[in-house]
Amino acid sequence: EWDRWLLMALIGTAVGMLGFLTHQIIDCLIKLKWDLVEKYLQDGNIHMTWLFVLGSGLAMVVLSSGSVLFFCPAGSPFALPEIIGYLNGTSIQHLFNIKTFLGTFVSCVLAVASGLFCGPEGPMIHLGALLGCGLSQLQSNTLGVHLPIFTRFRNSADKRSFITAGAGAGIASVFRAPIGGLLFTLEEVSSFWDIRLAWQTFFCCLTATFTTDLLSSSFSEFLYRGHFGFFEAEKRILFWVKNLLDMNVLAFVPAILLGMLGGLLGALFVSLNIKINKLRMQFFNSIPKSSLRKPSKLMETVLILVTSPLVRHLEDIHLNLFTATFVGMDVGCILNFPCSSEQGSAAALLVENGKQGITYLFKRGTHEEFGYTSLCTALAFYFILSCWTAGSAVASGLVIPMLYTGALYGRIIGLILISIFGVQTNEYGAWIDPGLFAAIGAASFFSGVSRLTISLTVIMVS
C-alpha cells in the first residue's frame, strides 16, 4: 500500500499549493484594484473612484463568467452536487477535465476578487477533487498523457477514493482544518466508506493543510516576508480571535435562540435560492435563440455586481476609512477608523473583503463599533445578493456568505443583550459580547443552510 499513501501525499501537497496560490492571487487582485484608485482617493474624487472600482469589478466578472460559460465544458459553476453524484455512482461527462480545472480556477479567483458575495470554498472542493482524479490516474486524453506507472489504480473504486481525498483536502486547505476536511467528506460527500479510506483521507488533508500553512508563513501577495516555517497563530487560524471569554451557563439561552434562528433563516435561504434558480432556468429557456442564452447568463452576473452595495453606497463611505482600509497595507484595519455615519458603517461592512469582515465581526470588546441600522442593512443586502449569486454563471462558494450572514444577525442579538444589560466589566458578565454571538450566529446559519453538524463544529473551533 506504499504507493497509495504516496499518491495521497502527492495529492495533498498539490491541493495545498493550489489553495495557497488561490488566496495569494485573490489578495493581489484586490490590492491591485484599490491601488489603481489610490490617487483619486487621496484627491477626494469619489466619482472617479466609483467608476474605476465598477470598471475593474465588471472586467473581472465578465472574465469569470466567460471562463465558465465559454471555456469550461462541465458547464456547472458550483460542482459540489455533481461530485457527490459522481461518488455515488452517477457518470458525468467532462467533470474531471483539464479545461474544467482551468475554467473553474480562473472563474473562482476573479469572482471573489471582483466583489461578488461569494467565497473560494466550493470551487476549491471541486479543484481538489480534480487534482485527486488527475494525479491518481496519471493520464489525460486532452493532453495525450498516459504514464505507465500506478496503473493498478485505474479503476472506478480507487478513482473514487482519491477523488474523495482530494475533495476533503480542498476544504482542509481553505479552513486550515484537516480533521474538518475528513469529517466533511464523511458527512457530506461520500457514501462508500471504510477505516482505510478514513486514515488515508486524513493524511491527505493533513498534508494539504501543512503545505498551505508552510507557504503562507513566508509569502504574502507573492512577496517573501521571511520566517519560513514559523506558524503564527494569528495567520494560521482563519478567523483569529485573540481574547477568549469565560462562559456562564446563562449564555446557553441566547445560543439556543441563535440556533433556532439559524435553522429558520437557513431554510428560508435554501427555499429562496431554489425559487430563484427555477425562475432563472425558466427565463433562459424562454429565450428562442440558443446562441443568446450564454450571453444572457453573463449579463446576469454583471447585473448582480452592479446591484451590489459595493457600488451603490460607495459615496457614503468616509474618505479616511477608504484610504486606511484599501490603500494601506493592512486590509483589515477598518476598526481603527470608525465611520462617520450608520450608512458609512453599513457600506464598510458590505465593501470589505468577506474573510476580513468576518474576522472583525468576531472581534471581542467591540460593543459599539456597529449599530443596529448598519448591521440590519448589511444583513438584508448580504442575504438577498448572496442568495442571488449562488447558482449564477461564476464558480463561487457559499461558505463565506453563510458565515458572514450568520455573524451579522448574531451580532445584532449581542447588541440587544448589551441594550438590556449594558456593557458588563465583571468576569461573570463578560460573556455578553457581540463578537461572541457573531461567532455562534455564523455557525448557526452555516448549519441551517448546509445541514452539517460535526464537521462544521470542528471547522469553527479549529
Protein backbone atom coordinates (compact mmCIF):
# COMPACT_ATOMS: atom_id res chain seq x y z
CA GLU A 1 0.00 0.00 0.00
CA TRP A 2 3.02 2.33 -0.02
CA ASP A 3 2.10 3.62 -3.48
CA ARG A 4 -1.41 4.56 -2.33
CA TRP A 5 -0.02 6.56 0.60
CA LEU A 6 2.49 8.21 -1.74
CA LEU A 7 -0.29 9.33 -4.06
CA MET A 8 -2.29 10.65 -1.09
CA ALA A 9 0.72 12.74 -0.05
CA LEU A 10 1.18 13.98 -3.62
CA ILE A 11 -2.49 14.96 -3.91
CA GLY A 12 -2.43 16.71 -0.52
CA THR A 13 0.71 18.67 -1.44
CA ALA A 14 -0.74 19.71 -4.79
CA VAL A 15 -4.06 20.80 -3.23
CA GLY A 16 -2.20 22.74 -0.51
CA MET A 17 -0.13 24.58 -3.11
CA LEU A 18 -3.26 25.33 -5.12
CA GLY A 19 -5.04 26.68 -2.02
CA PHE A 20 -2.06 28.93 -1.28
CA LEU A 21 -1.96 30.11 -4.90
CA THR A 22 -5.70 30.84 -4.91
CA HIS A 23 -5.58 33.07 -1.82
CA GLN A 24 -2.44 34.86 -2.99
CA ILE A 25 -3.95 35.70 -6.39
CA ILE A 26 -7.19 36.91 -4.81
CA ASP A 27 -5.30 39.17 -2.38
CA CYS A 28 -3.15 40.54 -5.21
CA LEU A 29 -6.16 41.31 -7.39
CA ILE A 30 -7.99 43.07 -4.54
CA LYS A 31 -4.90 45.14 -3.71
CA LEU A 32 -4.32 45.95 -7.39
CA LYS A 33 -7.92 47.11 -7.74
CA TRP A 34 -7.54 49.61 -4.90
CA ASP A 35 -4.03 50.64 -5.93
CA LEU A 36 -5.49 51.85 -9.22
CA VAL A 37 -7.76 54.32 -7.41
CA GLU A 38 -5.25 55.44 -4.77
CA LYS A 39 -4.65 58.80 -6.44
CA TYR A 40 -8.39 59.55 -6.71
CA LEU A 41 -8.92 58.57 -3.07
CA GLN A 42 -6.18 60.91 -1.91
CA ASP A 43 -7.67 63.73 -4.00
CA GLY A 44 -11.16 63.03 -2.66
CA ASN A 45 -12.54 62.29 -6.14
CA ILE A 46 -15.24 59.80 -5.17
CA HIS A 47 -16.87 59.72 -8.62
CA MET A 48 -13.71 58.61 -10.42
CA THR A 49 -13.12 56.08 -7.63
CA TRP A 50 -16.63 54.76 -8.24
CA LEU A 51 -16.00 54.43 -11.98
CA PHE A 52 -12.65 52.66 -11.59
CA VAL A 53 -13.92 50.23 -8.94
CA LEU A 54 -17.02 49.47 -11.01
CA GLY A 55 -14.99 49.09 -14.20
CA SER A 56 -12.41 46.74 -12.68
CA GLY A 57 -15.13 44.70 -10.99
CA LEU A 58 -17.09 44.38 -14.24
CA ALA A 59 -13.97 43.29 -16.13
CA MET A 60 -13.31 40.55 -13.56
CA VAL A 61 -16.93 39.40 -13.57
CA VAL A 62 -17.08 39.21 -17.37
CA LEU A 63 -13.88 37.14 -17.49
CA SER A 64 -15.05 34.97 -14.59
CA SER A 65 -18.42 34.22 -16.09
CA GLY A 66 -16.98 33.83 -19.59
CA SER A 67 -14.47 31.22 -18.43
CA VAL A 68 -17.34 29.10 -17.07
CA LEU A 69 -19.77 29.62 -19.95
CA PHE A 70 -17.48 29.51 -22.98
CA PHE A 71 -14.38 27.61 -21.83
CA CYS A 72 -15.34 25.22 -19.05
CA PRO A 73 -17.04 22.18 -20.67
CA ALA A 74 -18.64 20.92 -17.46
CA GLY A 75 -20.97 23.92 -17.54
CA SER A 76 -21.51 23.93 -13.77
CA PRO A 77 -20.37 26.95 -11.75
CA PHE A 78 -20.71 25.09 -8.44
CA ALA A 79 -19.86 21.41 -8.93
CA LEU A 80 -20.22 20.01 -5.39
CA PRO A 81 -23.62 18.37 -6.15
CA GLU A 82 -22.09 16.83 -9.29
CA ILE A 83 -19.12 15.49 -7.29
CA ILE A 84 -21.47 13.96 -4.71
CA GLY A 85 -23.48 12.42 -7.54
CA TYR A 86 -20.35 11.03 -9.17
CA LEU A 87 -19.11 9.48 -5.91
CA ASN A 88 -22.49 7.82 -5.52
CA GLY A 89 -22.40 6.16 -8.94
CA THR A 90 -23.53 8.79 -11.46
CA SER A 91 -21.34 9.28 -14.54
CA ILE A 92 -20.98 12.94 -15.58
CA GLN A 93 -19.06 13.93 -18.69
CA HIS A 94 -16.21 16.46 -18.54
CA LEU A 95 -16.49 16.85 -14.76
CA PHE A 96 -12.80 15.98 -14.30
CA ASN A 97 -11.40 17.57 -17.45
CA ILE A 98 -8.28 19.77 -17.65
CA LYS A 99 -10.39 22.54 -19.21
CA THR A 100 -12.82 22.28 -16.31
CA PHE A 101 -9.91 22.70 -13.91
CA LEU A 102 -8.57 25.82 -15.63
CA GLY A 103 -12.00 27.38 -16.15
CA THR A 104 -13.05 26.78 -12.53
CA PHE A 105 -9.79 28.16 -11.14
CA VAL A 106 -9.86 31.36 -13.23
CA SER A 107 -13.56 31.93 -12.58
CA CYS A 108 -13.15 31.40 -8.83
CA VAL A 109 -10.31 33.88 -8.23
CA LEU A 110 -11.86 36.56 -10.46
CA ALA A 111 -15.35 36.20 -8.95
CA VAL A 112 -14.09 36.56 -5.37
CA ALA A 113 -11.78 39.47 -6.22
CA SER A 114 -14.47 41.32 -8.19
CA GLY A 115 -16.63 41.97 -5.13
CA LEU A 116 -19.41 39.43 -5.65
CA PHE A 117 -20.82 37.95 -2.46
CA CYS A 118 -19.10 34.59 -2.67
CA GLY A 119 -16.03 32.71 -1.47
CA PRO A 120 -13.49 30.23 -2.87
CA GLU A 121 -14.51 27.24 -0.73
CA GLY A 122 -16.92 25.45 -3.09
CA PRO A 123 -14.63 25.69 -6.14
CA MET A 124 -11.67 24.55 -4.00
CA ILE A 125 -13.55 21.32 -3.21
CA HIS A 126 -14.07 20.80 -6.95
CA LEU A 127 -10.44 21.66 -7.74
CA GLY A 128 -9.21 19.31 -5.02
CA ALA A 129 -11.34 16.50 -6.45
CA LEU A 130 -9.95 17.27 -9.92
CA LEU A 131 -6.38 17.01 -8.65
CA GLY A 132 -7.24 13.78 -6.84
CA CYS A 133 -8.61 12.33 -10.06
CA GLY A 134 -5.80 13.52 -12.33
CA LEU A 135 -2.82 12.72 -10.13
CA SER A 136 -4.09 9.26 -9.22
CA GLN A 137 -4.80 8.22 -12.80
CA LEU A 138 -1.69 9.87 -14.31
CA GLN A 139 -3.33 10.08 -17.70
CA SER A 140 -5.15 12.73 -19.71
CA ASN A 141 -6.93 12.30 -23.02
CA THR A 142 -6.89 16.07 -23.56
CA LEU A 143 -3.11 16.33 -23.15
CA GLY A 144 -2.41 12.92 -24.63
CA VAL A 145 -0.55 11.77 -21.50
CA HIS A 146 -0.65 8.12 -20.36
CA LEU A 147 2.15 7.36 -17.90
CA PRO A 148 2.89 3.66 -17.37
CA ILE A 149 3.02 3.87 -13.56
CA PHE A 150 0.39 3.33 -10.85
CA THR A 151 -1.79 1.62 -13.43
CA ARG A 152 -3.44 -0.56 -10.77
CA PHE A 153 -5.39 2.49 -9.56
CA ARG A 154 -7.09 2.98 -12.93
CA ASN A 155 -10.38 1.52 -11.83
CA SER A 156 -13.64 3.01 -10.64
CA ALA A 157 -13.32 2.17 -6.91
CA ASP A 158 -9.79 3.56 -6.44
CA LYS A 159 -10.57 6.59 -8.58
CA ARG A 160 -13.49 7.48 -6.30
CA SER A 161 -11.30 7.06 -3.22
CA PHE A 162 -8.72 9.54 -4.50
CA ILE A 163 -11.43 11.99 -5.57
CA THR A 164 -12.90 11.80 -2.06
CA ALA A 165 -9.50 12.52 -0.51
CA GLY A 166 -8.90 15.42 -2.91
CA ALA A 167 -12.26 17.00 -2.07
CA GLY A 168 -11.53 16.73 1.65
CA ALA A 169 -8.07 18.22 1.13
CA GLY A 170 -9.67 21.17 -0.66
CA ILE A 171 -11.87 22.09 2.31
CA ALA A 172 -8.98 21.38 4.73
CA SER A 173 -6.67 23.75 2.83
CA VAL A 174 -9.22 26.57 2.86
CA PHE A 175 -10.07 26.36 6.58
CA ARG A 176 -6.70 25.04 7.84
CA ALA A 177 -8.65 22.18 9.44
CA PRO A 178 -7.52 18.65 8.46
CA ILE A 179 -9.99 16.92 10.81
CA GLY A 180 -12.74 19.18 9.47
CA GLY A 181 -11.88 18.11 5.91
CA LEU A 182 -12.06 14.44 6.90
CA LEU A 183 -15.40 14.84 8.65
CA PHE A 184 -16.77 16.88 5.74
CA THR A 185 -16.10 14.04 3.30
CA LEU A 186 -17.61 11.54 5.72
CA GLU A 187 -20.70 13.63 6.46
CA GLU A 188 -21.41 15.26 3.11
CA VAL A 189 -19.50 13.84 0.15
CA SER A 190 -19.00 10.07 0.13
CA SER A 191 -21.39 7.17 0.68
CA PHE A 192 -18.78 4.38 0.34
CA TRP A 193 -16.54 4.47 3.41
CA ASP A 194 -14.14 2.28 5.36
CA ILE A 195 -11.47 2.78 8.02
CA ARG A 196 -8.60 2.55 5.50
CA LEU A 197 -10.07 5.38 3.40
CA ALA A 198 -10.62 7.44 6.55
CA TRP A 199 -6.93 7.26 7.56
CA GLN A 200 -5.71 7.96 4.04
CA THR A 201 -8.12 10.90 3.58
CA PHE A 202 -6.98 12.36 6.90
CA PHE A 203 -3.34 12.01 5.83
CA CYS A 204 -4.15 13.79 2.56
CA CYS A 205 -5.98 16.60 4.40
CA LEU A 206 -3.11 16.93 6.88
CA THR A 207 -0.58 17.22 4.04
CA ALA A 208 -2.69 19.85 2.28
CA THR A 209 -3.07 21.95 5.44
CA PHE A 210 0.64 21.72 6.25
CA THR A 211 1.63 22.77 2.70
CA THR A 212 -0.69 25.78 2.73
CA ASP A 213 0.50 26.85 6.20
CA LEU A 214 4.16 26.37 5.28
CA LEU A 215 3.93 28.55 2.17
CA SER A 216 1.69 31.15 3.85
CA SER A 217 4.20 31.52 6.70
CA SER A 218 6.64 33.31 4.39
CA PHE A 219 4.66 34.76 1.48
CA SER A 220 2.04 37.48 1.33
CA GLU A 221 0.82 38.63 -2.09
CA PHE A 222 3.72 36.60 -3.55
CA LEU A 223 6.27 38.71 -1.64
CA TYR A 224 8.71 36.89 0.61
CA ARG A 225 8.25 38.06 4.22
CA GLY A 226 10.75 35.76 5.92
CA HIS A 227 10.07 33.48 8.92
CA PHE A 228 9.79 30.39 6.71
CA GLY A 229 8.19 27.59 8.71
CA PHE A 230 7.16 29.85 11.60
CA PHE A 231 3.43 29.26 12.10
CA GLU A 232 1.89 32.36 13.68
CA ALA A 233 -1.47 31.61 15.27
CA GLU A 234 -2.97 34.87 14.01
CA LYS A 235 -2.17 33.96 10.40
CA ARG A 236 -2.70 30.19 10.60
CA ILE A 237 -6.19 30.36 12.12
CA LEU A 238 -8.62 31.62 9.50
CA PHE A 239 -10.87 33.68 11.79
CA TRP A 240 -8.46 34.68 14.53
CA VAL A 241 -9.96 35.78 17.87
CA LYS A 242 -7.36 36.98 20.34
CA ASN A 243 -9.33 37.41 23.56
CA LEU A 244 -11.16 34.38 24.95
CA LEU A 245 -14.10 34.80 27.31
CA ASP A 246 -15.13 32.88 30.40
CA MET A 247 -18.55 31.31 29.84
CA ASN A 248 -21.65 31.37 32.01
CA VAL A 249 -24.46 28.84 31.90
CA LEU A 250 -26.81 31.72 31.04
CA ALA A 251 -25.04 32.05 27.65
CA PHE A 252 -26.82 28.88 26.51
CA VAL A 253 -30.17 30.73 26.42
CA PRO A 254 -29.25 33.18 23.59
CA ALA A 255 -27.19 30.38 21.96
CA ILE A 256 -30.32 28.21 21.68
CA LEU A 257 -32.20 31.20 20.29
CA LEU A 258 -29.49 31.74 17.69
CA GLY A 259 -29.61 28.05 16.76
CA MET A 260 -33.36 28.22 16.14
CA LEU A 261 -32.97 31.46 14.21
CA GLY A 262 -30.21 29.90 12.10
CA GLY A 263 -32.44 26.97 11.22
CA LEU A 264 -35.32 29.22 10.20
CA LEU A 265 -33.19 31.62 8.17
CA GLY A 266 -31.25 28.72 6.65
CA ALA A 267 -34.49 27.11 5.47
CA LEU A 268 -35.61 30.47 4.07
CA PHE A 269 -32.28 30.89 2.26
CA VAL A 270 -32.50 27.43 0.66
CA SER A 271 -36.14 27.91 -0.33
CA LEU A 272 -35.47 31.34 -1.82
CA ASN A 273 -32.42 30.06 -3.70
CA ILE A 274 -34.43 27.18 -5.20
CA LYS A 275 -37.11 29.60 -6.39
CA ILE A 276 -34.52 31.97 -7.86
CA ASN A 277 -32.85 29.11 -9.74
CA LYS A 278 -36.21 27.91 -11.09
CA LEU A 279 -37.02 31.40 -12.34
CA ARG A 280 -33.50 31.64 -13.78
CA MET A 281 -33.96 28.38 -15.72
CA GLN A 282 -37.41 29.38 -16.96
CA PHE A 283 -36.14 32.74 -18.16
CA PHE A 284 -33.11 31.39 -20.02
CA ASN A 285 -35.10 28.51 -21.55
CA SER A 286 -37.66 31.00 -22.81
CA ILE A 287 -35.03 32.73 -24.98
CA PRO A 288 -35.77 31.49 -28.52
CA LYS A 289 -32.21 31.58 -29.85
CA SER A 290 -29.91 29.21 -28.02
CA SER A 291 -26.90 31.28 -29.07
CA LEU A 292 -28.16 34.15 -26.89
CA ARG A 293 -28.57 32.11 -23.71
CA LYS A 294 -24.92 32.11 -22.64
CA PRO A 295 -24.50 35.89 -23.21
CA SER A 296 -27.71 36.38 -21.20
CA LYS A 297 -26.26 34.37 -18.30
CA LEU A 298 -23.13 36.51 -18.47
CA MET A 299 -25.23 39.68 -18.33
CA GLU A 300 -26.96 38.36 -15.20
CA THR A 301 -23.64 38.23 -13.32
CA VAL A 302 -22.92 41.78 -14.46
CA LEU A 303 -26.33 42.85 -13.15
CA ILE A 304 -25.60 41.23 -9.77
CA LEU A 305 -22.37 43.21 -9.44
CA VAL A 306 -23.99 46.49 -10.49
CA THR A 307 -26.80 45.92 -7.98
CA SER A 308 -24.24 45.26 -5.27
CA PRO A 309 -23.99 47.81 -2.44
CA LEU A 310 -20.29 47.92 -3.22
CA VAL A 311 -21.06 50.45 -5.94
CA ARG A 312 -24.43 51.77 -4.73
CA HIS A 313 -23.16 53.03 -1.36
CA LEU A 314 -19.60 53.94 -2.28
CA GLU A 315 -20.14 57.66 -1.80
CA ASP A 316 -21.37 57.06 1.76
CA ILE A 317 -18.03 55.71 2.95
CA HIS A 318 -15.79 58.13 4.76
CA LEU A 319 -12.65 59.03 2.78
CA ASN A 320 -10.29 58.28 5.66
CA LEU A 321 -11.85 54.85 6.07
CA PHE A 322 -11.31 54.04 2.42
CA THR A 323 -7.75 55.31 2.41
CA ALA A 324 -6.80 53.39 5.55
CA THR A 325 -8.60 50.19 4.62
CA PHE A 326 -7.81 49.68 0.96
CA VAL A 327 -4.78 51.82 0.15
CA GLY A 328 -2.84 50.83 3.27
CA MET A 329 -1.08 47.51 3.59
CA ASP A 330 -3.46 46.12 6.21
CA VAL A 331 -6.83 45.42 4.63
CA GLY A 332 -8.41 44.63 7.98
CA CYS A 333 -7.66 47.91 9.79
CA ILE A 334 -11.22 49.12 9.40
CA LEU A 335 -11.91 49.17 13.14
CA ASN A 336 -9.25 51.81 13.72
CA PHE A 337 -11.14 54.31 11.57
CA PRO A 338 -14.82 54.32 12.56
CA CYS A 339 -17.30 55.62 10.02
CA SER A 340 -18.96 58.97 10.41
CA SER A 341 -22.48 57.59 9.98
CA GLU A 342 -24.58 54.43 10.19
CA GLN A 343 -24.76 54.41 6.38
CA GLY A 344 -20.98 54.52 6.22
CA SER A 345 -20.74 51.60 8.64
CA ALA A 346 -23.16 49.55 6.55
CA ALA A 347 -21.23 50.36 3.39
CA ALA A 348 -17.97 49.42 5.07
CA LEU A 349 -19.43 46.06 6.10
CA LEU A 350 -20.52 45.38 2.53
CA VAL A 351 -17.40 46.63 0.78
CA GLU A 352 -14.92 44.79 2.99
CA ASN A 353 -13.40 41.51 1.88
CA GLY A 354 -15.61 38.72 3.23
CA LYS A 355 -12.93 36.85 5.18
CA GLN A 356 -11.63 40.05 6.78
CA GLY A 357 -15.16 41.21 7.51
CA ILE A 358 -15.97 38.02 9.41
CA THR A 359 -12.78 38.44 11.44
CA TYR A 360 -13.67 41.87 12.75
CA LEU A 361 -17.31 40.91 13.33
CA PHE A 362 -15.94 38.16 15.61
CA LYS A 363 -13.62 40.58 17.41
CA ARG A 364 -14.13 40.78 21.19
CA GLY A 365 -14.56 44.01 23.10
CA THR A 366 -16.09 45.94 20.18
CA HIS A 367 -19.51 46.51 21.73
CA GLU A 368 -20.27 49.81 20.00
CA GLU A 369 -18.43 49.53 16.69
CA PHE A 370 -21.59 48.92 14.63
CA GLY A 371 -25.18 49.95 15.33
CA TYR A 372 -28.50 48.32 14.53
CA THR A 373 -29.03 50.25 11.30
CA SER A 374 -25.69 49.30 9.74
CA LEU A 375 -25.95 45.64 10.76
CA CYS A 376 -29.56 45.25 9.61
CA THR A 377 -28.85 46.99 6.30
CA ALA A 378 -25.80 44.83 5.64
CA LEU A 379 -27.73 41.69 6.65
CA ALA A 380 -30.59 42.40 4.23
CA PHE A 381 -28.29 43.12 1.28
CA TYR A 382 -25.93 40.23 2.00
CA PHE A 383 -28.73 37.70 2.47
CA ILE A 384 -30.51 38.60 -0.77
CA LEU A 385 -27.50 39.15 -3.01
CA SER A 386 -25.57 36.08 -1.83
CA CYS A 387 -28.72 34.02 -2.45
CA TRP A 388 -28.95 35.52 -5.94
CA THR A 389 -25.25 34.94 -6.64
CA ALA A 390 -25.43 31.24 -5.71
CA GLY A 391 -26.23 29.43 -8.96
CA SER A 392 -25.20 32.24 -11.30
CA ALA A 393 -22.63 31.65 -14.04
CA VAL A 394 -19.49 32.02 -11.91
CA ALA A 395 -17.50 29.49 -9.90
CA SER A 396 -18.45 30.55 -6.39
CA GLY A 397 -18.72 29.18 -2.88
CA LEU A 398 -21.36 29.76 -0.22
CA VAL A 399 -19.33 29.26 2.96
CA ILE A 400 -18.08 32.85 3.37
CA PRO A 401 -21.57 34.33 2.66
CA MET A 402 -23.13 31.90 5.14
CA LEU A 403 -20.64 32.76 7.87
CA TYR A 404 -20.93 36.48 7.17
CA THR A 405 -24.74 36.45 7.22
CA GLY A 406 -24.84 34.49 10.48
CA ALA A 407 -22.22 36.77 12.05
CA LEU A 408 -24.36 39.81 11.21
CA TYR A 409 -27.55 38.63 12.90
CA GLY A 410 -25.54 37.08 15.75
CA ARG A 411 -24.01 40.47 16.41
CA ILE A 412 -27.50 42.02 16.34
CA ILE A 413 -28.56 39.61 19.11
CA GLY A 414 -25.44 40.60 21.02
CA LEU A 415 -26.34 44.28 20.70
CA ILE A 416 -29.84 43.55 22.01
CA LEU A 417 -28.31 41.94 25.11
CA ILE A 418 -26.00 44.93 25.53
CA SER A 419 -29.02 47.26 25.30
CA ILE A 420 -30.79 45.25 28.01
CA PHE A 421 -27.95 44.53 30.43
CA GLY A 422 -25.36 47.12 29.43
CA VAL A 423 -21.62 46.57 28.93
CA GLN A 424 -20.50 44.14 31.63
CA THR A 425 -17.00 44.62 33.04
CA ASN A 426 -17.06 41.89 35.69
CA GLU A 427 -15.87 38.37 34.85
CA TYR A 428 -19.32 36.83 35.36
CA GLY A 429 -20.98 39.04 32.75
CA ALA A 430 -18.15 39.32 30.22
CA TRP A 431 -19.85 36.68 28.03
CA ILE A 432 -22.35 39.36 26.91
CA ASP A 433 -20.20 40.33 23.94
CA PRO A 434 -21.47 40.94 20.36
CA GLY A 435 -18.35 39.30 18.91
CA LEU A 436 -19.04 36.05 20.75
CA PHE A 437 -22.60 35.86 19.48
CA ALA A 438 -21.42 36.74 15.97
CA ALA A 439 -19.37 33.53 16.00
CA ILE A 440 -22.32 31.49 17.31
CA GLY A 441 -24.63 33.08 14.74
CA ALA A 442 -22.18 32.27 11.93
CA ALA A 443 -22.14 28.61 12.94
CA SER A 444 -25.94 28.51 13.25
CA PHE A 445 -26.61 29.89 9.76
CA PHE A 446 -23.90 27.72 8.20
CA SER A 447 -25.51 24.69 9.81
CA GLY A 448 -29.02 25.80 8.88
CA VAL A 449 -28.14 26.06 5.17
CA SER A 450 -25.73 23.13 4.81
CA ARG A 451 -27.27 20.75 7.39
CA LEU A 452 -23.75 19.97 8.61
CA THR A 453 -23.16 19.40 12.33
CA ILE A 454 -19.99 17.55 13.38
CA SER A 455 -17.64 18.76 10.64
CA LEU A 456 -18.93 22.32 11.00
CA THR A 457 -18.24 22.32 14.74
CA VAL A 458 -14.66 21.14 14.17
CA ILE A 459 -14.08 23.72 11.41
CA MET A 460 -15.40 26.57 13.57
CA VAL A 461 -13.21 25.75 16.56
CA SER A 462 -10.06 24.96 14.54
